[in-house]
PDB file of N, CA and C in Angstrom:
ATOM      1  N   MET A   1       2.877  23.531 -17.185  1.00  0.00           N
ATOM      2  CA  MET A   1       2.989  22.236 -16.521  1.00  0.00           C
ATOM      3  C   MET A   1       1.612  21.574 -16.523  1.00  0.00           C
ATOM      4  N   ASN A   2       1.569  20.284 -16.769  1.00  0.00           N
ATOM      5  CA  ASN A   2       0.265  19.637 -16.821  1.00  0.00           C
ATOM      6  C   ASN A   2      -0.280  19.336 -15.428  1.00  0.00           C
ATOM      7  N   ALA A   3      -1.558  19.062 -15.377  1.00  0.00           N
ATOM      8  CA  ALA A   3      -2.254  18.886 -14.102  1.00  0.00           C
ATOM      9  C   ALA A   3      -1.746  17.677 -13.326  1.00  0.00           C
ATOM     10  N   ILE A   4      -1.417  16.613 -14.021  1.00  0.00           N
ATOM     11  CA  ILE A   4      -0.932  15.418 -13.327  1.00  0.00           C
ATOM     12  C   ILE A   4       0.385  15.720 -12.617  1.00  0.00           C
ATOM     13  N   LYS A   5       1.262  16.484 -13.275  1.00  0.00           N
ATOM     14  CA  LYS A   5       2.523  16.878 -12.630  1.00  0.00           C
ATOM     15  C   LYS A   5       2.261  17.801 -11.451  1.00  0.00           C
ATOM     16  N   LYS A   6       1.346  18.748 -11.613  1.00  0.00           N
ATOM     17  CA  LYS A   6       1.021  19.662 -10.519  1.00  0.00           C
ATOM     18  C   LYS A   6       0.475  18.893  -9.322  1.00  0.00           C
ATOM     19  N   ALA A   7      -0.401  17.942  -9.586  1.00  0.00           N
ATOM     20  CA  ALA A   7      -0.969  17.138  -8.498  1.00  0.00           C
ATOM     21  C   ALA A   7       0.122  16.322  -7.814  1.00  0.00           C
ATOM     22  N   ARG A   8       1.018  15.738  -8.603  1.00  0.00           N
ATOM     23  CA  ARG A   8       2.115  14.954  -8.023  1.00  0.00           C
ATOM     24  C   ARG A   8       2.983  15.815  -7.123  1.00  0.00           C
ATOM     25  N   ARG A   9       3.312  17.003  -7.591  1.00  0.00           N
ATOM     26  CA  ARG A   9       4.141  17.902  -6.776  1.00  0.00           C
ATOM     27  C   ARG A   9       3.422  18.323  -5.499  1.00  0.00           C
ATOM     28  N   LEU A  10       2.150  18.601  -5.613  1.00  0.00           N
ATOM     29  CA  LEU A  10       1.387  18.995  -4.424  1.00  0.00           C
ATOM     30  C   LEU A  10       1.337  17.852  -3.413  1.00  0.00           C
ATOM     31  N   ILE A  11       1.054  16.656  -3.889  1.00  0.00           N
ATOM     32  CA  ILE A  11       0.976  15.486  -2.993  1.00  0.00           C
ATOM     33  C   ILE A  11       2.332  15.219  -2.350  1.00  0.00           C
ATOM     34  N   ALA A  12       3.408  15.349  -3.115  1.00  0.00           N
ATOM     35  CA  ALA A  12       4.748  15.094  -2.582  1.00  0.00           C
ATOM     36  C   ALA A  12       5.182  16.160  -1.579  1.00  0.00           C
ATOM     37  N   SER A  13       4.817  17.408  -1.834  1.00  0.00           N
ATOM     38  CA  SER A  13       5.289  18.490  -0.968  1.00  0.00           C
ATOM     39  C   SER A  13       4.426  18.698   0.270  1.00  0.00           C
ATOM     40  N   GLU A  14       3.155  18.324   0.190  1.00  0.00           N
ATOM     41  CA  GLU A  14       2.229  18.528   1.326  1.00  0.00           C
ATOM     42  C   GLU A  14       1.395  17.269   1.557  1.00  0.00           C
ATOM     43  N   PRO A  15       2.029  16.126   1.834  1.00  0.00           N
ATOM     44  CA  PRO A  15       1.303  14.851   1.859  1.00  0.00           C
ATOM     45  C   PRO A  15       0.236  14.714   2.944  1.00  0.00           C
ATOM     46  N   HIS A  16       0.292  15.531   3.970  1.00  0.00           N
ATOM     47  CA  HIS A  16      -0.650  15.364   5.075  1.00  0.00           C
ATOM     48  C   HIS A  16      -1.826  16.332   5.023  1.00  0.00           C
ATOM     49  N   THR A  17      -1.880  17.160   3.977  1.00  0.00           N
ATOM     50  CA  THR A  17      -2.996  18.100   3.871  1.00  0.00           C
ATOM     51  C   THR A  17      -4.217  17.380   3.299  1.00  0.00           C
ATOM     52  N   GLU A  18      -5.389  17.914   3.617  1.00  0.00           N
ATOM     53  CA  GLU A  18      -6.630  17.331   3.101  1.00  0.00           C
ATOM     54  C   GLU A  18      -6.652  17.360   1.571  1.00  0.00           C
ATOM     55  N   THR A  19      -6.114  18.418   0.998  1.00  0.00           N
ATOM     56  CA  THR A  19      -6.078  18.527  -0.454  1.00  0.00           C
ATOM     57  C   THR A  19      -5.251  17.407  -1.059  1.00  0.00           C
ATOM     58  N   ALA A  20      -4.060  17.187  -0.540  1.00  0.00           N
ATOM     59  CA  ALA A  20      -3.184  16.124  -1.058  1.00  0.00           C
ATOM     60  C   ALA A  20      -3.825  14.757  -0.872  1.00  0.00           C
ATOM     61  N   ILE A  21      -4.436  14.541   0.256  1.00  0.00           N
ATOM     62  CA  ILE A  21      -5.090  13.259   0.529  1.00  0.00           C
ATOM     63  C   ILE A  21      -6.236  13.027  -0.448  1.00  0.00           C
ATOM     64  N   SER A  22      -7.030  14.063  -0.702  1.00  0.00           N
ATOM     65  CA  SER A  22      -8.146  13.936  -1.648  1.00  0.00           C
ATOM     66  C   SER A  22      -7.648  13.663  -3.062  1.00  0.00           C
ATOM     67  N   LEU A  23      -6.631  14.397  -3.486  1.00  0.00           N
ATOM     68  CA  LEU A  23      -6.091  14.171  -4.823  1.00  0.00           C
ATOM     69  C   LEU A  23      -5.477  12.774  -4.948  1.00  0.00           C
ATOM     70  N   ALA A  24      -4.806  12.322  -3.914  1.00  0.00           N
ATOM     71  CA  ALA A  24      -4.227  10.978  -3.937  1.00  0.00           C
ATOM     72  C   ALA A  24      -5.325   9.920  -4.016  1.00  0.00           C
ATOM     73  N   ARG A  25      -6.411  10.128  -3.300  1.00  0.00           N
ATOM     74  CA  ARG A  25      -7.537   9.187  -3.380  1.00  0.00           C
ATOM     75  C   ARG A  25      -8.135   9.169  -4.783  1.00  0.00           C
ATOM     76  N   LEU A  26      -8.252  10.340  -5.380  1.00  0.00           N
ATOM     77  CA  LEU A  26      -8.777  10.435  -6.739  1.00  0.00           C
ATOM     78  C   LEU A  26      -7.893   9.654  -7.712  1.00  0.00           C
ATOM     79  N   VAL A  27      -6.596   9.841  -7.620  1.00  0.00           N
ATOM     80  CA  VAL A  27      -5.665   9.148  -8.515  1.00  0.00           C
ATOM     81  C   VAL A  27      -5.727   7.639  -8.300  1.00  0.00           C
ATOM     82  N   ARG A  28      -5.761   7.213  -7.047  1.00  0.00           N
ATOM     83  CA  ARG A  28      -5.866   5.772  -6.773  1.00  0.00           C
ATOM     84  C   ARG A  28      -7.151   5.206  -7.361  1.00  0.00           C
ATOM     85  N   ALA A  29      -8.242   5.939  -7.224  1.00  0.00           N
ATOM     86  CA  ALA A  29      -9.527   5.480  -7.754  1.00  0.00           C
ATOM     87  C   ALA A  29      -9.478   5.380  -9.278  1.00  0.00           C
ATOM     88  N   LEU A  30      -8.866   6.349  -9.908  1.00  0.00           N
ATOM     89  CA  LEU A  30      -8.762   6.320 -11.365  1.00  0.00           C
ATOM     90  C   LEU A  30      -7.916   5.149 -11.839  1.00  0.00           C
ATOM     91  N   GLU A  31      -6.848   4.884 -11.151  1.00  0.00           N
ATOM     92  CA  GLU A  31      -5.929   3.829 -11.565  1.00  0.00           C
ATOM     93  C   GLU A  31      -6.479   2.434 -11.285  1.00  0.00           C
ATOM     94  N   SER A  32      -7.177   2.267 -10.190  1.00  0.00           N
ATOM     95  CA  SER A  32      -7.578   0.923  -9.770  1.00  0.00           C
ATOM     96  C   SER A  32      -9.072   0.663  -9.884  1.00  0.00           C
ATOM     97  N   ASP A  33      -9.807   1.601 -10.453  1.00  0.00           N
ATOM     98  CA  ASP A  33     -11.261   1.484 -10.572  1.00  0.00           C
ATOM     99  C   ASP A  33     -11.953   1.365  -9.222  1.00  0.00           C
ATOM    100  N   GLU A  34     -11.340   1.933  -8.181  1.00  0.00           N
ATOM    101  CA  GLU A  34     -11.989   2.019  -6.871  1.00  0.00           C
ATOM    102  C   GLU A  34     -13.074   3.087  -6.950  1.00  0.00           C
ATOM    103  N   SER A  35     -13.983   3.051  -6.003  1.00  0.00           N
ATOM    104  CA  SER A  35     -14.988   4.112  -5.966  1.00  0.00           C
ATOM    105  C   SER A  35     -14.368   5.367  -5.340  1.00  0.00           C
ATOM    106  N   PHE A  36     -14.923   6.497  -5.693  1.00  0.00           N
ATOM    107  CA  PHE A  36     -14.464   7.779  -5.168  1.00  0.00           C
ATOM    108  C   PHE A  36     -15.692   8.646  -4.947  1.00  0.00           C
ATOM    109  N   GLN A  37     -15.783   9.230  -3.769  1.00  0.00           N
ATOM    110  CA  GLN A  37     -16.918  10.090  -3.438  1.00  0.00           C
ATOM    111  C   GLN A  37     -16.719  11.466  -4.058  1.00  0.00           C
ATOM    112  N   LEU A  38     -17.553  11.801  -5.023  1.00  0.00           N
ATOM    113  CA  LEU A  38     -17.418  13.099  -5.682  1.00  0.00           C
ATOM    114  C   LEU A  38     -17.557  14.254  -4.703  1.00  0.00           C
ATOM    115  N   ALA A  39     -18.299  14.060  -3.645  1.00  0.00           N
ATOM    116  CA  ALA A  39     -18.460  15.121  -2.646  1.00  0.00           C
ATOM    117  C   ALA A  39     -17.116  15.546  -2.076  1.00  0.00           C
ATOM    118  N   GLU A  40     -16.140  14.662  -2.135  1.00  0.00           N
ATOM    119  CA  GLU A  40     -14.804  14.993  -1.640  1.00  0.00           C
ATOM    120  C   GLU A  40     -14.185  16.129  -2.461  1.00  0.00           C
ATOM    121  N   LEU A  41     -14.506  16.172  -3.744  1.00  0.00           N
ATOM    122  CA  LEU A  41     -13.992  17.249  -4.595  1.00  0.00           C
ATOM    123  C   LEU A  41     -14.565  18.601  -4.186  1.00  0.00           C
ATOM    124  N   TYR A  42     -15.816  18.618  -3.755  1.00  0.00           N
ATOM    125  CA  TYR A  42     -16.459  19.882  -3.387  1.00  0.00           C
ATOM    126  C   TYR A  42     -15.874  20.486  -2.118  1.00  0.00           C
ATOM    127  N   LYS A  43     -15.149  19.700  -1.365  1.00  0.00           N
ATOM    128  CA  LYS A  43     -14.497  20.209  -0.159  1.00  0.00           C
ATOM    129  C   LYS A  43     -13.214  20.974  -0.487  1.00  0.00           C
ATOM    130  N   LEU A  44     -12.708  20.784  -1.717  1.00  0.00           N
ATOM    131  CA  LEU A  44     -11.484  21.473  -2.127  1.00  0.00           C
ATOM    132  C   LEU A  44     -11.776  22.941  -2.419  1.00  0.00           C
ATOM    133  N   ASP A  45     -10.766  23.786  -2.234  1.00  0.00           N
ATOM    134  CA  ASP A  45     -10.954  25.184  -2.629  1.00  0.00           C
ATOM    135  C   ASP A  45     -11.018  25.238  -4.153  1.00  0.00           C
ATOM    136  N   TYR A  46     -11.387  26.377  -4.678  1.00  0.00           N
ATOM    137  CA  TYR A  46     -11.647  26.515  -6.110  1.00  0.00           C
ATOM    138  C   TYR A  46     -10.448  26.116  -6.965  1.00  0.00           C
ATOM    139  N   GLU A  47      -9.272  26.568  -6.593  1.00  0.00           N
ATOM    140  CA  GLU A  47      -8.056  26.267  -7.358  1.00  0.00           C
ATOM    141  C   GLU A  47      -7.794  24.766  -7.418  1.00  0.00           C
ATOM    142  N   HIS A  48      -7.901  24.095  -6.281  1.00  0.00           N
ATOM    143  CA  HIS A  48      -7.612  22.664  -6.237  1.00  0.00           C
ATOM    144  C   HIS A  48      -8.755  21.838  -6.833  1.00  0.00           C
ATOM    145  N   PHE A  49      -9.973  22.344  -6.750  1.00  0.00           N
ATOM    146  CA  PHE A  49     -11.097  21.696  -7.425  1.00  0.00           C
ATOM    147  C   PHE A  49     -10.835  21.677  -8.932  1.00  0.00           C
ATOM    148  N   ASN A  50     -10.407  22.812  -9.475  1.00  0.00           N
ATOM    149  CA  ASN A  50     -10.090  22.883 -10.903  1.00  0.00           C
ATOM    150  C   ASN A  50      -8.911  21.978 -11.255  1.00  0.00           C
ATOM    151  N   LEU A  51      -7.934  21.881 -10.369  1.00  0.00           N
ATOM    152  CA  LEU A  51      -6.811  20.975 -10.592  1.00  0.00           C
ATOM    153  C   LEU A  51      -7.319  19.532 -10.681  1.00  0.00           C
ATOM    154  N   ALA A  52      -8.217  19.154  -9.789  1.00  0.00           N
ATOM    155  CA  ALA A  52      -8.780  17.799  -9.810  1.00  0.00           C
ATOM    156  C   ALA A  52      -9.522  17.544 -11.128  1.00  0.00           C
ATOM    157  N   LEU A  53     -10.267  18.525 -11.606  1.00  0.00           N
ATOM    158  CA  LEU A  53     -10.972  18.371 -12.881  1.00  0.00           C
ATOM    159  C   LEU A  53      -9.985  18.216 -14.041  1.00  0.00           C
ATOM    160  N   GLU A  54      -8.900  18.976 -13.994  1.00  0.00           N
ATOM    161  CA  GLU A  54      -7.878  18.859 -15.038  1.00  0.00           C
ATOM    162  C   GLU A  54      -7.195  17.493 -14.988  1.00  0.00           C
ATOM    163  N   VAL A  55      -6.974  16.974 -13.779  1.00  0.00           N
ATOM    164  CA  VAL A  55      -6.401  15.625 -13.644  1.00  0.00           C
ATOM    165  C   VAL A  55      -7.341  14.620 -14.305  1.00  0.00           C
ATOM    166  N   LEU A  56      -8.637  14.752 -14.044  1.00  0.00           N
ATOM    167  CA  LEU A  56      -9.616  13.850 -14.663  1.00  0.00           C
ATOM    168  C   LEU A  56      -9.554  13.928 -16.187  1.00  0.00           C
ATOM    169  N   LYS A  57      -9.480  15.135 -16.721  1.00  0.00           N
ATOM    170  CA  LYS A  57      -9.417  15.308 -18.173  1.00  0.00           C
ATOM    171  C   LYS A  57      -8.157  14.663 -18.746  1.00  0.00           C
ATOM    172  N   GLU A  58      -7.017  14.939 -18.125  1.00  0.00           N
ATOM    173  CA  GLU A  58      -5.760  14.375 -18.619  1.00  0.00           C
ATOM    174  C   GLU A  58      -5.741  12.861 -18.492  1.00  0.00           C
ATOM    175  N   TRP A  59      -6.295  12.361 -17.397  1.00  0.00           N
ATOM    176  CA  TRP A  59      -6.311  10.917 -17.170  1.00  0.00           C
ATOM    177  C   TRP A  59      -7.118  10.236 -18.273  1.00  0.00           C
ATOM    178  N   ARG A  60      -8.263  10.828 -18.596  1.00  0.00           N
ATOM    179  CA  ARG A  60      -9.101  10.248 -19.646  1.00  0.00           C
ATOM    180  C   ARG A  60      -8.387  10.297 -20.990  1.00  0.00           C
ATOM    181  N   LEU A  61      -7.759  11.397 -21.292  1.00  0.00           N
ATOM    182  CA  LEU A  61      -7.025  11.541 -22.545  1.00  0.00           C
ATOM    183  C   LEU A  61      -5.888  10.526 -22.619  1.00  0.00           C
ATOM    184  N   ASP A  62      -5.153  10.365 -21.520  1.00  0.00           N
ATOM    185  CA  ASP A  62      -4.065   9.384 -21.483  1.00  0.00           C
ATOM    186  C   ASP A  62      -4.593   7.970 -21.686  1.00  0.00           C
ATOM    187  N   ARG A  63      -5.738   7.666 -21.096  1.00  0.00           N
ATOM    188  CA  ARG A  63      -6.334   6.334 -21.283  1.00  0.00           C
ATOM    189  C   ARG A  63      -6.676   6.102 -22.739  1.00  0.00           C
ATOM    190  N   TYR A  64      -7.208   7.153 -23.381  1.00  0.00           N
ATOM    191  CA  TYR A  64      -7.543   7.043 -24.800  1.00  0.00           C
ATOM    192  C   TYR A  64      -6.288   6.715 -25.605  1.00  0.00           C
ATOM    193  N   TYR A  65      -5.206   7.443 -25.330  1.00  0.00           N
ATOM    194  CA  TYR A  65      -3.971   7.207 -26.072  1.00  0.00           C
ATOM    195  C   TYR A  65      -3.371   5.846 -25.753  1.00  0.00           C
ATOM    196  N   MET A  66      -3.503   5.388 -24.515  1.00  0.00           N
ATOM    197  CA  MET A  66      -3.008   4.059 -24.163  1.00  0.00           C
ATOM    198  C   MET A  66      -3.800   3.000 -24.928  1.00  0.00           C
ATOM    199  N   SER A  67      -5.121   3.160 -24.999  1.00  0.00           N
ATOM    200  CA  SER A  67      -5.950   2.206 -25.733  1.00  0.00           C
ATOM    201  C   SER A  67      -5.595   2.211 -27.206  1.00  0.00           C
ATOM    202  N   LYS A  68      -5.357   3.389 -27.750  1.00  0.00           N
ATOM    203  CA  LYS A  68      -4.982   3.513 -29.151  1.00  0.00           C
ATOM    204  C   LYS A  68      -3.641   2.824 -29.400  1.00  0.00           C
ATOM    205  N   ALA A  69      -2.696   3.011 -28.497  1.00  0.00           N
ATOM    206  CA  ALA A  69      -1.386   2.384 -28.639  1.00  0.00           C
ATOM    207  C   ALA A  69      -1.498   0.862 -28.578  1.00  0.00           C
ATOM    208  N   LYS A  70      -2.337   0.356 -27.678  1.00  0.00           N
ATOM    209  CA  LYS A  70      -2.529  -1.094 -27.572  1.00  0.00           C
ATOM    210  C   LYS A  70      -3.148  -1.643 -28.849  1.00  0.00           C
ATOM    211  N   LEU A  71      -4.104  -0.918 -29.408  1.00  0.00           N
ATOM    212  CA  LEU A  71      -4.736  -1.334 -30.649  1.00  0.00           C
ATOM    213  C   LEU A  71      -3.726  -1.352 -31.793  1.00  0.00           C
ATOM    214  N   LEU A  72      -2.925  -0.320 -31.880  1.00  0.00           N
ATOM    215  CA  LEU A  72      -1.909  -0.256 -32.923  1.00  0.00           C
ATOM    216  C   LEU A  72      -0.914  -1.402 -32.775  1.00  0.00           C
ATOM    217  N   ASP A  73      -0.490  -1.680 -31.554  1.00  0.00           N
ATOM    218  CA  ASP A  73       0.446  -2.778 -31.297  1.00  0.00           C
ATOM    219  C   ASP A  73      -0.152  -4.105 -31.750  1.00  0.00           C
ATOM    220  N   LEU A  74      -1.408  -4.331 -31.423  1.00  0.00           N
ATOM    221  CA  LEU A  74      -2.076  -5.563 -31.820  1.00  0.00           C
ATOM    222  C   LEU A  74      -2.174  -5.649 -33.343  1.00  0.00           C
ATOM    223  N   ALA A  75      -2.504  -4.554 -34.004  1.00  0.00           N
ATOM    224  CA  ALA A  75      -2.606  -4.545 -35.461  1.00  0.00           C
ATOM    225  C   ALA A  75      -1.273  -4.861 -36.101  1.00  0.00           C
ATOM    226  N   VAL A  76      -0.197  -4.328 -35.559  1.00  0.00           N
ATOM    227  CA  VAL A  76       1.138  -4.603 -36.091  1.00  0.00           C
ATOM    228  C   VAL A  76       1.484  -6.076 -35.885  1.00  0.00           C
ATOM    229  N   GLN A  77       1.179  -6.603 -34.700  1.00  0.00           N
ATOM    230  CA  GLN A  77       1.468  -8.011 -34.440  1.00  0.00           C
ATOM    231  C   GLN A  77       0.706  -8.916 -35.395  1.00  0.00           C
ATOM    232  N   LEU A  78      -0.558  -8.617 -35.641  1.00  0.00           N
ATOM    233  CA  LEU A  78      -1.358  -9.448 -36.546  1.00  0.00           C
ATOM    234  C   LEU A  78      -0.852  -9.342 -37.981  1.00  0.00           C
ATOM    235  N   HIS A  79      -0.371  -8.192 -38.357  1.00  0.00           N
ATOM    236  CA  HIS A  79       0.156  -8.006 -39.710  1.00  0.00           C
ATOM    237  C   HIS A  79       1.425  -8.832 -39.916  1.00  0.00           C
ATOM    238  N   GLU A  80       2.193  -9.016 -38.836  1.00  0.00           N
ATOM    239  CA  GLU A  80       3.460  -9.753 -38.932  1.00  0.00           C
ATOM    240  C   GLU A  80       3.251 -11.268 -38.947  1.00  0.00           C
ATOM    241  N   ILE A  81       2.061 -11.732 -38.560  1.00  0.00           N
ATOM    242  CA  ILE A  81       1.776 -13.183 -38.581  1.00  0.00           C
ATOM    243  C   ILE A  81       1.525 -13.617 -40.017  1.00  0.00           C
ATOM    244  N   PRO A  82       2.272 -14.653 -40.480  1.00  0.00           N
ATOM    245  CA  PRO A  82       2.103 -15.083 -41.887  1.00  0.00           C
ATOM    246  C   PRO A  82       0.775 -15.756 -42.130  1.00  0.00           C
TER     247      PRO A  82
END
């Protein structure tokens, strides 16, 4: 299971825990370009700290693929213009 799914399940199943709150803040910051205090990650236990790092890795990879898809879409649109 990927880290984003694991984080989603953790947040959904334990929404009031500090871990879920921290992960939710991280996701909101990634999505909306809000600031996020990295020190908040250090408060997580080792397992959840690693989960947060994996979320960051997957998020970056997904952004790369989204950018690539947008570029491909634009290239196809320009090719179709006479």
